[in-house]
Amino acid sequence: MNPQTNQPRPNAWALVPLGVFLISYLVVSIIAGDFYKMPITVAFVISSIVAVAMAKNGNLQKRIETFCQGAANPNIMLMVLIFILAGAFAQTTKAMGAVDATVNLALSILPGNVLAAGVFLAACVISVSVGTSVGTIVALAPVAAGIAAKTGMNPALMAAATVGGAMFGDNLSFISDTTIVATRTQGCKMSDKFKTNFKIVMPFALLTTILYILLGSNAHAGFEPAQVQWLKVLPYLIVLGAAIMGVNVMVVLLLGTVLSGIIGLLLGSFSIWEWTVSMGAGITGMGELIIVTILAGGMLEMIRTGGGLAWIIQKLTSHIKGRKGAEISIAGLISFANLCTANNTIALIMAGPIAKEIADRFKIMPSRSASLLDIFSCFVQGIIPYGAQLLMAASLTGISPLHIMEYLYYPYLLGIGALLAIWLGLPRKFRAQ
């Protein structure tokens, strides 16, 4: 501990638990040839044990207390509560039929000669509404594959359009894990992050739409969506509208869950007990993410108190001359973390506190640092062939992830656009404090 600043002295050895995590998760997964062979929860348990064992700030009881303080950080606990409500909302809407209704709504408005662009836009709408890229791919990829089969469209192109649109919503949705973690770690409102994020990514989403129009303009419509059930779409519309207006995310999710449940009961989609089972299943489904969040919070606190974060910040900022360099370092930090973990939410949990330190030092607005974190995490997650998104799309369409990567225009443009935004200092309104 530095007595003058009351901050831990930079110490590279404090990063050993992070190295243990990378070896136990990344290296083992590569050797096994399966990125989901080693459960990420087990990798975090192993690295957390190492973090507590090698810490030098007191006896074992004291070190365990320090770990628990990090795990029980108010930001960590708030994220856990949000994950719980998000799980209940997502599963309730799925059981009620809102996902299928939203898919039908999106597809019912597509012109027949722009199906690839339409699938991309449908994935954008659905992912922004449901807040999950994997969920969007699960819902839409089979439909996209069916459209390709009926119209003669390139199936890899249609799968890529689905993945690209899913990553658009993963980045922008108010109820996505990445948005929740990015805003909480940077200490900004979701609405502020959305405004900053939107101005950066929207031009490239439009450019992607144009590219898909040009590539798919010769196709013929061959898919007839079912009749739109507007009442089932209502919870998503209300949640999206309330979130944009800046209503507290926990209130938004609770409102959406209750409204979805009431609509489901009125339409006979489920009984009241089936509704409670759906909520329970949704909450339970968030279990791994909650466990990882808590363990990551404790491990990062041990690394912080040991001087590991101070060392990373020192190295990252030692050659930085200004805000632009600081933003590049934040982008590089989250990109590296995402490549290592193949999970953008986990990468944000790990990199968020470090990015916050850099942002504060170089007076980067919290909404901009949160936006950059989320953008680059989604950019990397959307293009790695061992990520859940591409693996899921490949599984549902029977296409190699590498083949899908040829047509992933939106994630590629997203990364290029974010770098341009840093280089040119755009959008200027959200650039500095």
Protein backbone atom coordinates (compact mmCIF):
# COMPACT_ATOMS: atom_id res chain seq x y z
CA MET A 1 0.00 0.00 0.00
CA ASN A 2 1.31 3.43 -0.96
CA PRO A 3 1.10 5.54 2.25
CA GLN A 4 0.86 8.82 0.30
CA THR A 5 -2.12 7.84 -1.87
CA ASN A 6 -3.60 5.06 0.30
CA GLN A 7 -3.69 2.95 -2.88
CA PRO A 8 -2.07 -0.46 -3.50
CA ARG A 9 1.39 -0.36 -5.04
CA PRO A 10 1.59 -1.74 -8.60
CA ASN A 11 2.39 -5.45 -8.38
CA ALA A 12 2.38 -7.75 -11.40
CA TRP A 13 2.37 -10.87 -9.19
CA ALA A 14 -1.12 -9.99 -8.01
CA LEU A 15 -2.31 -10.89 -11.52
CA VAL A 16 -1.39 -14.56 -11.07
CA PRO A 17 -5.07 -15.50 -10.31
CA LEU A 18 -6.04 -13.97 -13.66
CA GLY A 19 -3.34 -16.05 -15.34
CA VAL A 20 -4.64 -19.15 -13.58
CA PHE A 21 -8.12 -18.37 -14.87
CA LEU A 22 -6.88 -17.95 -18.44
CA ILE A 23 -4.91 -21.20 -18.29
CA SER A 24 -7.68 -23.21 -16.64
CA TYR A 25 -10.35 -21.88 -18.97
CA LEU A 26 -8.74 -20.75 -22.24
CA VAL A 27 -5.77 -23.13 -22.55
CA VAL A 28 -7.64 -26.17 -21.30
CA SER A 29 -10.51 -25.43 -23.70
CA ILE A 30 -8.11 -25.09 -26.65
CA ILE A 31 -6.37 -28.37 -25.78
CA ALA A 32 -9.73 -30.10 -25.39
CA GLY A 33 -10.91 -28.63 -28.70
CA ASP A 34 -14.13 -27.41 -27.10
CA PHE A 35 -14.54 -23.95 -25.57
CA TYR A 36 -17.33 -25.19 -23.35
CA LYS A 37 -15.51 -28.27 -22.07
CA MET A 38 -14.21 -26.46 -19.00
CA PRO A 39 -17.12 -24.81 -17.13
CA ILE A 40 -16.33 -21.16 -16.59
CA THR A 41 -17.66 -21.41 -13.03
CA VAL A 42 -15.02 -24.04 -12.21
CA ALA A 43 -12.28 -21.89 -13.76
CA PHE A 44 -13.35 -18.97 -11.57
CA VAL A 45 -13.48 -21.15 -8.44
CA ILE A 46 -9.90 -22.33 -9.08
CA SER A 47 -8.60 -18.79 -9.73
CA SER A 48 -10.48 -17.44 -6.70
CA ILE A 49 -8.86 -20.05 -4.45
CA VAL A 50 -5.46 -19.04 -5.81
CA ALA A 51 -6.29 -15.35 -5.24
CA VAL A 52 -7.14 -15.92 -1.58
CA ALA A 53 -4.22 -18.29 -1.01
CA MET A 54 -1.52 -15.99 -2.37
CA ALA A 55 -2.80 -12.68 -0.95
CA LYS A 56 -0.62 -10.99 1.65
CA ASN A 57 -3.11 -8.69 3.33
CA GLY A 58 -3.56 -10.53 6.62
CA ASN A 59 -4.40 -14.01 7.84
CA LEU A 60 -6.71 -16.43 6.03
CA GLN A 61 -9.84 -15.08 7.73
CA LYS A 62 -8.96 -11.52 6.74
CA ARG A 63 -8.28 -12.54 3.14
CA ILE A 64 -11.60 -14.38 2.90
CA GLU A 65 -13.34 -11.28 4.26
CA THR A 66 -11.65 -9.15 1.60
CA PHE A 67 -12.81 -11.58 -1.08
CA CYS A 68 -16.36 -11.47 0.28
CA GLN A 69 -16.32 -7.66 0.32
CA GLY A 70 -15.52 -7.68 -3.38
CA ALA A 71 -18.15 -10.32 -4.12
CA ALA A 72 -20.76 -8.35 -2.16
CA ASN A 73 -19.88 -4.99 -3.72
CA PRO A 74 -23.13 -2.97 -4.15
CA ASN A 75 -22.62 -2.87 -7.94
CA ILE A 76 -22.19 -6.65 -8.02
CA MET A 77 -25.31 -7.22 -5.92
CA LEU A 78 -27.34 -4.81 -8.05
CA MET A 79 -26.26 -6.68 -11.18
CA VAL A 80 -27.32 -9.94 -9.55
CA LEU A 81 -30.78 -8.53 -8.79
CA ILE A 82 -31.12 -7.26 -12.35
CA PHE A 83 -30.06 -10.65 -13.74
CA ILE A 84 -32.73 -12.32 -11.58
CA LEU A 85 -35.47 -10.02 -12.86
CA ALA A 86 -34.20 -10.26 -16.44
CA GLY A 87 -34.36 -14.06 -16.25
CA ALA A 88 -37.91 -14.00 -14.93
CA PHE A 89 -38.99 -11.55 -17.65
CA ALA A 90 -37.31 -13.42 -20.50
CA GLN A 91 -38.75 -16.80 -19.59
CA THR A 92 -42.24 -15.42 -18.88
CA THR A 93 -42.41 -13.69 -22.26
CA LYS A 94 -41.14 -16.83 -23.99
CA ALA A 95 -43.76 -19.02 -22.29
CA MET A 96 -46.46 -16.48 -23.13
CA GLY A 97 -45.49 -16.56 -26.83
CA ALA A 98 -44.07 -13.06 -27.11
CA VAL A 99 -40.88 -14.18 -28.86
CA ASP A 100 -42.77 -15.94 -31.67
CA ALA A 101 -45.16 -13.00 -31.95
CA THR A 102 -42.25 -10.56 -32.24
CA VAL A 103 -40.64 -12.72 -34.93
CA ASN A 104 -43.89 -12.77 -36.90
CA LEU A 105 -44.31 -9.01 -36.52
CA ALA A 106 -40.82 -8.34 -37.81
CA LEU A 107 -41.15 -10.73 -40.74
CA SER A 108 -44.64 -9.60 -41.71
CA ILE A 109 -43.35 -6.18 -42.75
CA LEU A 110 -40.45 -7.42 -44.90
CA PRO A 111 -40.55 -6.71 -48.65
CA GLY A 112 -40.04 -9.96 -50.55
CA ASN A 113 -37.05 -8.75 -52.55
CA VAL A 114 -34.93 -7.65 -49.58
CA LEU A 115 -35.13 -10.71 -47.36
CA ALA A 116 -31.48 -10.70 -46.22
CA ALA A 117 -31.74 -7.08 -45.12
CA GLY A 118 -35.13 -7.85 -43.61
CA VAL A 119 -33.77 -10.72 -41.53
CA PHE A 120 -30.98 -8.43 -40.32
CA LEU A 121 -33.51 -5.74 -39.33
CA ALA A 122 -35.77 -8.35 -37.73
CA ALA A 123 -32.85 -9.61 -35.66
CA CYS A 124 -32.07 -6.02 -34.66
CA VAL A 125 -35.64 -5.42 -33.49
CA ILE A 126 -35.93 -8.73 -31.67
CA SER A 127 -32.54 -8.51 -29.95
CA VAL A 128 -33.18 -4.94 -28.78
CA SER A 129 -36.53 -6.12 -27.42
CA VAL A 130 -35.45 -9.36 -25.72
CA GLY A 131 -31.94 -8.25 -24.72
CA THR A 132 -30.15 -11.43 -25.68
CA SER A 133 -28.19 -12.21 -28.83
CA VAL A 134 -28.24 -15.97 -28.27
CA GLY A 135 -32.01 -15.91 -27.66
CA THR A 136 -32.51 -13.94 -30.86
CA ILE A 137 -30.41 -16.40 -32.85
CA VAL A 138 -32.32 -19.34 -31.36
CA ALA A 139 -35.62 -17.71 -32.36
CA LEU A 140 -34.69 -16.41 -35.80
CA ALA A 141 -31.92 -18.64 -37.23
CA PRO A 142 -34.27 -21.54 -38.07
CA VAL A 143 -36.62 -19.08 -39.78
CA ALA A 144 -33.71 -17.55 -41.72
CA ALA A 145 -32.58 -21.01 -42.79
CA GLY A 146 -36.11 -21.82 -43.95
CA ILE A 147 -36.32 -18.60 -45.96
CA ALA A 148 -32.97 -19.40 -47.58
CA ALA A 149 -34.18 -22.89 -48.52
CA LYS A 150 -37.42 -21.58 -50.06
CA THR A 151 -35.91 -18.64 -51.94
CA GLY A 152 -32.50 -19.90 -53.00
CA MET A 153 -30.70 -17.37 -50.83
CA ASN A 154 -27.19 -18.16 -49.58
CA PRO A 155 -27.81 -19.83 -46.17
CA ALA A 156 -24.50 -18.52 -44.78
CA LEU A 157 -25.54 -14.99 -45.74
CA MET A 158 -28.89 -15.38 -43.97
CA ALA A 159 -27.22 -16.87 -40.88
CA ALA A 160 -24.71 -13.99 -40.81
CA ALA A 161 -27.53 -11.45 -41.11
CA THR A 162 -29.17 -13.06 -38.09
CA VAL A 163 -25.97 -13.00 -36.03
CA GLY A 164 -25.18 -9.41 -37.01
CA GLY A 165 -28.63 -8.18 -36.03
CA ALA A 166 -28.45 -10.14 -32.79
CA MET A 167 -25.19 -8.41 -31.87
CA PHE A 168 -26.77 -5.01 -32.67
CA GLY A 169 -29.35 -5.60 -29.94
CA ASP A 170 -26.86 -7.21 -27.57
CA ASN A 171 -24.96 -3.92 -27.74
CA LEU A 172 -27.92 -1.52 -27.51
CA SER A 173 -30.71 -3.25 -25.59
CA PHE A 174 -31.53 -1.85 -22.16
CA ILE A 175 -32.05 -5.33 -20.74
CA SER A 176 -28.98 -7.07 -22.21
CA ASP A 177 -26.34 -8.38 -19.81
CA THR A 178 -23.65 -6.34 -21.56
CA THR A 179 -25.53 -3.06 -21.16
CA ILE A 180 -26.25 -3.79 -17.52
CA VAL A 181 -22.63 -4.63 -16.69
CA ALA A 182 -21.10 -1.83 -18.80
CA THR A 183 -23.27 0.88 -17.25
CA ARG A 184 -22.94 -0.41 -13.70
CA THR A 185 -19.15 -0.71 -13.82
CA GLN A 186 -18.81 2.79 -15.33
CA GLY A 187 -21.44 4.42 -13.14
CA CYS A 188 -23.73 5.90 -15.80
CA LYS A 189 -27.41 5.80 -16.70
CA MET A 190 -28.51 3.31 -19.32
CA SER A 191 -30.27 6.06 -21.27
CA ASP A 192 -27.04 8.11 -21.44
CA LYS A 193 -25.04 5.12 -22.63
CA PHE A 194 -27.73 4.33 -25.22
CA LYS A 195 -27.60 7.85 -26.69
CA THR A 196 -23.80 7.74 -27.00
CA ASN A 197 -23.81 4.18 -28.32
CA PHE A 198 -26.60 4.82 -30.82
CA LYS A 199 -24.80 7.73 -32.48
CA ILE A 200 -21.71 5.59 -33.03
CA VAL A 201 -23.30 2.39 -34.33
CA MET A 202 -26.38 3.52 -36.26
CA PRO A 203 -24.57 4.67 -39.45
CA PHE A 204 -22.92 1.25 -39.72
CA ALA A 205 -26.18 -0.59 -39.10
CA LEU A 206 -27.67 1.37 -42.00
CA LEU A 207 -24.64 0.60 -44.17
CA THR A 208 -24.99 -3.09 -43.32
CA THR A 209 -28.66 -2.96 -44.32
CA ILE A 210 -27.70 -1.51 -47.70
CA LEU A 211 -25.09 -4.23 -48.23
CA TYR A 212 -27.64 -6.97 -47.48
CA ILE A 213 -30.16 -5.32 -49.81
CA LEU A 214 -27.63 -5.37 -52.65
CA LEU A 215 -26.62 -8.97 -51.97
CA GLY A 216 -30.17 -10.30 -51.61
CA SER A 217 -32.07 -8.22 -54.15
CA ASN A 218 -32.57 -11.13 -56.58
CA ALA A 219 -34.39 -13.38 -54.12
CA HIS A 220 -38.09 -14.12 -54.32
CA ALA A 221 -40.39 -14.19 -51.31
CA GLY A 222 -41.33 -17.68 -50.26
CA PHE A 223 -42.15 -17.36 -46.58
CA GLU A 224 -45.51 -16.47 -45.10
CA PRO A 225 -45.38 -15.45 -41.43
CA ALA A 226 -48.24 -16.29 -39.11
CA GLN A 227 -50.75 -13.66 -38.15
CA VAL A 228 -49.30 -11.09 -35.76
CA GLN A 229 -50.66 -11.27 -32.22
CA TRP A 230 -50.25 -7.68 -31.13
CA LEU A 231 -51.22 -8.28 -27.52
CA LYS A 232 -48.28 -10.65 -27.09
CA VAL A 233 -45.87 -8.06 -28.49
CA LEU A 234 -47.11 -5.40 -26.05
CA PRO A 235 -44.76 -6.28 -23.12
CA TYR A 236 -41.67 -5.81 -25.31
CA LEU A 237 -42.97 -2.50 -26.65
CA ILE A 238 -43.72 -1.20 -23.16
CA VAL A 239 -40.39 -2.40 -21.75
CA LEU A 240 -38.50 -0.80 -24.62
CA GLY A 241 -40.42 2.48 -24.32
CA ALA A 242 -40.05 2.66 -20.53
CA ALA A 243 -36.35 1.91 -20.73
CA ILE A 244 -35.80 4.63 -23.34
CA MET A 245 -37.61 7.10 -21.08
CA GLY A 246 -35.08 6.34 -18.35
CA VAL A 247 -37.29 4.34 -15.96
CA ASN A 248 -35.24 2.32 -13.46
CA VAL A 249 -34.27 -0.97 -15.09
CA MET A 250 -35.52 -3.05 -12.15
CA VAL A 251 -38.92 -1.36 -12.35
CA VAL A 252 -38.96 -1.91 -16.12
CA LEU A 253 -38.20 -5.63 -15.80
CA LEU A 254 -40.71 -6.12 -12.99
CA LEU A 255 -43.38 -4.28 -15.00
CA GLY A 256 -42.63 -6.40 -18.07
CA THR A 257 -42.79 -9.65 -16.11
CA VAL A 258 -46.13 -8.79 -14.48
CA LEU A 259 -47.65 -7.55 -17.75
CA SER A 260 -46.46 -10.65 -19.62
CA GLY A 261 -47.91 -12.86 -16.91
CA ILE A 262 -51.29 -11.12 -16.99
CA ILE A 263 -51.48 -11.33 -20.79
CA GLY A 264 -50.46 -14.99 -20.69
CA LEU A 265 -53.19 -15.74 -18.15
CA LEU A 266 -55.83 -13.86 -20.16
CA LEU A 267 -54.90 -15.63 -23.40
CA GLY A 268 -54.60 -19.03 -21.76
CA SER A 269 -50.93 -19.39 -22.63
CA PHE A 270 -50.29 -20.74 -19.14
CA SER A 271 -51.92 -21.13 -15.74
CA ILE A 272 -50.81 -19.09 -12.76
CA TRP A 273 -48.71 -22.01 -11.51
CA GLU A 274 -47.12 -22.49 -14.93
CA TRP A 275 -46.30 -18.78 -14.85
CA THR A 276 -44.50 -19.16 -11.53
CA VAL A 277 -42.64 -22.19 -12.91
CA SER A 278 -41.57 -20.10 -15.92
CA MET A 279 -40.29 -17.31 -13.69
CA GLY A 280 -38.42 -19.83 -11.57
CA ALA A 281 -36.86 -21.44 -14.63
CA GLY A 282 -35.77 -18.03 -15.92
CA ILE A 283 -34.19 -17.11 -12.60
CA THR A 284 -32.48 -20.49 -12.34
CA GLY A 285 -31.20 -20.08 -15.88
CA MET A 286 -29.28 -17.02 -14.73
CA GLY A 287 -27.53 -19.10 -12.06
CA GLU A 288 -24.21 -19.55 -13.86
CA LEU A 289 -23.99 -15.86 -14.72
CA ILE A 290 -24.80 -14.87 -11.13
CA ILE A 291 -22.20 -17.28 -9.72
CA VAL A 292 -19.55 -16.04 -12.14
CA THR A 293 -20.40 -12.41 -11.35
CA ILE A 294 -19.98 -12.97 -7.61
CA LEU A 295 -16.75 -14.96 -7.97
CA ALA A 296 -15.31 -12.45 -10.45
CA GLY A 297 -16.13 -9.60 -8.06
CA GLY A 298 -14.28 -11.32 -5.23
CA MET A 299 -11.28 -12.30 -7.35
CA LEU A 300 -10.95 -8.81 -8.83
CA GLU A 301 -11.04 -7.31 -5.34
CA MET A 302 -8.14 -9.56 -4.32
CA ILE A 303 -6.24 -8.52 -7.46
CA ARG A 304 -7.02 -4.86 -6.76
CA THR A 305 -5.90 -4.92 -3.13
CA GLY A 306 -2.76 -6.81 -4.17
CA GLY A 307 -1.83 -4.08 -6.67
CA GLY A 308 -2.64 -6.00 -9.85
CA LEU A 309 -5.09 -3.47 -11.24
CA ALA A 310 -2.69 -0.65 -10.36
CA TRP A 311 0.02 -2.43 -12.37
CA ILE A 312 -2.24 -2.88 -15.42
CA ILE A 313 -3.33 0.76 -15.30
CA GLN A 314 0.28 1.88 -14.93
CA LYS A 315 1.34 -0.13 -17.99
CA LEU A 316 -1.66 0.85 -20.07
CA THR A 317 -1.35 4.54 -19.30
CA SER A 318 2.43 4.93 -19.17
CA HIS A 319 2.63 5.92 -22.84
CA ILE A 320 -0.79 7.53 -23.17
CA LYS A 321 -0.60 11.18 -24.10
CA GLY A 322 -4.28 12.05 -24.02
CA ARG A 323 -7.88 10.97 -24.07
CA LYS A 324 -7.66 9.28 -27.47
CA GLY A 325 -4.91 6.95 -26.27
CA ALA A 326 -6.90 6.18 -23.14
CA GLU A 327 -9.92 5.21 -25.21
CA ILE A 328 -7.75 2.95 -27.40
CA SER A 329 -6.42 1.27 -24.25
CA ILE A 330 -9.99 0.64 -23.04
CA ALA A 331 -10.86 -0.85 -26.43
CA GLY A 332 -7.78 -3.09 -26.39
CA LEU A 333 -8.43 -4.17 -22.81
CA ILE A 334 -11.99 -5.36 -23.38
CA SER A 335 -11.13 -6.93 -26.75
CA PHE A 336 -8.35 -9.01 -25.19
CA ALA A 337 -10.57 -10.04 -22.28
CA ASN A 338 -13.29 -11.13 -24.71
CA LEU A 339 -10.90 -13.16 -26.84
CA CYS A 340 -9.76 -14.98 -23.71
CA THR A 341 -13.19 -15.69 -22.22
CA ALA A 342 -15.39 -16.03 -25.35
CA ASN A 343 -18.13 -14.38 -23.29
CA ASN A 344 -18.69 -10.63 -23.58
CA THR A 345 -20.56 -10.32 -20.29
CA ILE A 346 -17.78 -12.02 -18.33
CA ALA A 347 -15.19 -9.95 -20.18
CA LEU A 348 -17.02 -6.77 -19.16
CA ILE A 349 -17.19 -7.88 -15.54
CA MET A 350 -13.41 -8.41 -15.56
CA ALA A 351 -12.38 -5.34 -17.58
CA GLY A 352 -14.98 -2.86 -16.32
CA PRO A 353 -13.26 -1.79 -13.08
CA ILE A 354 -9.93 -1.25 -14.88
CA ALA A 355 -11.62 0.76 -17.62
CA LYS A 356 -13.31 2.89 -14.96
CA GLU A 357 -9.94 3.79 -13.44
CA ILE A 358 -8.58 4.78 -16.86
CA ALA A 359 -11.71 6.77 -17.72
CA ASP A 360 -11.59 8.70 -14.46
CA ARG A 361 -7.90 9.51 -14.85
CA PHE A 362 -8.31 10.86 -18.39
CA LYS A 363 -11.71 12.49 -17.81
CA ILE A 364 -13.65 10.27 -20.21
CA MET A 365 -17.40 10.52 -19.65
CA PRO A 366 -18.87 7.37 -18.03
CA SER A 367 -21.42 7.05 -20.83
CA ARG A 368 -18.62 7.04 -23.43
CA SER A 369 -16.43 4.52 -21.60
CA ALA A 370 -19.48 2.27 -21.09
CA SER A 371 -20.32 2.62 -24.78
CA LEU A 372 -16.79 1.75 -25.91
CA LEU A 373 -16.65 -1.23 -23.57
CA ASP A 374 -19.97 -2.58 -24.83
CA ILE A 375 -19.21 -1.93 -28.52
CA PHE A 376 -15.82 -3.64 -28.55
CA SER A 377 -17.03 -6.56 -26.44
CA CYS A 378 -19.89 -7.15 -28.91
CA PHE A 379 -17.58 -6.65 -31.89
CA VAL A 380 -15.21 -9.39 -30.71
CA GLN A 381 -17.99 -11.67 -29.49
CA GLY A 382 -19.73 -11.42 -32.84
CA ILE A 383 -16.75 -12.58 -34.90
CA ILE A 384 -15.00 -15.29 -32.84
CA PRO A 385 -15.88 -18.73 -34.24
CA TYR A 386 -15.78 -20.28 -30.77
CA GLY A 387 -18.30 -17.85 -29.28
CA ALA A 388 -21.80 -18.96 -28.31
CA GLN A 389 -23.44 -16.81 -31.00
CA LEU A 390 -21.65 -18.27 -34.03
CA LEU A 391 -21.69 -21.78 -32.59
CA MET A 392 -25.45 -21.53 -32.03
CA ALA A 393 -26.09 -20.12 -35.52
CA ALA A 394 -23.93 -22.84 -37.05
CA SER A 395 -25.72 -25.55 -35.10
CA LEU A 396 -29.20 -24.34 -36.08
CA THR A 397 -28.40 -23.83 -39.78
CA GLY A 398 -25.92 -26.64 -40.39
CA ILE A 399 -23.24 -24.25 -41.64
CA SER A 400 -19.63 -23.91 -40.52
CA PRO A 401 -18.94 -20.88 -38.29
CA LEU A 402 -16.04 -19.98 -40.59
CA HIS A 403 -18.40 -19.87 -43.57
CA ILE A 404 -20.79 -17.58 -41.68
CA MET A 405 -17.90 -15.27 -40.83
CA GLU A 406 -17.52 -14.37 -44.53
CA TYR A 407 -20.78 -12.40 -44.36
CA LEU A 408 -20.62 -10.87 -40.88
CA TYR A 409 -20.67 -7.31 -42.18
CA TYR A 410 -22.20 -5.63 -39.15
CA PRO A 411 -19.69 -6.81 -36.49
CA TYR A 412 -16.76 -5.92 -38.78
CA LEU A 413 -18.20 -2.47 -39.52
CA LEU A 414 -18.99 -2.03 -35.82
CA GLY A 415 -15.33 -2.48 -34.88
CA ILE A 416 -14.13 -0.19 -37.68
CA GLY A 417 -16.75 2.42 -36.80
CA ALA A 418 -15.80 2.44 -33.13
CA LEU A 419 -12.12 2.96 -34.01
CA LEU A 420 -13.11 5.84 -36.30
CA ALA A 421 -15.20 7.32 -33.50
CA ILE A 422 -12.14 7.26 -31.23
CA TRP A 423 -9.81 8.66 -33.89
CA LEU A 424 -12.19 11.47 -34.91
CA GLY A 425 -13.54 12.10 -31.40
CA LEU A 426 -17.14 11.38 -32.37
CA PRO A 427 -19.81 11.95 -31.28
CA ARG A 428 -18.43 15.25 -29.98
CA LYS A 429 -21.32 15.94 -27.61
CA PHE A 430 -20.41 12.87 -25.53
CA ARG A 431 -16.64 13.05 -25.86
CA ALA A 432 -15.45 14.83 -22.72
CA GLN A 433 -16.50 15.84 -19.23
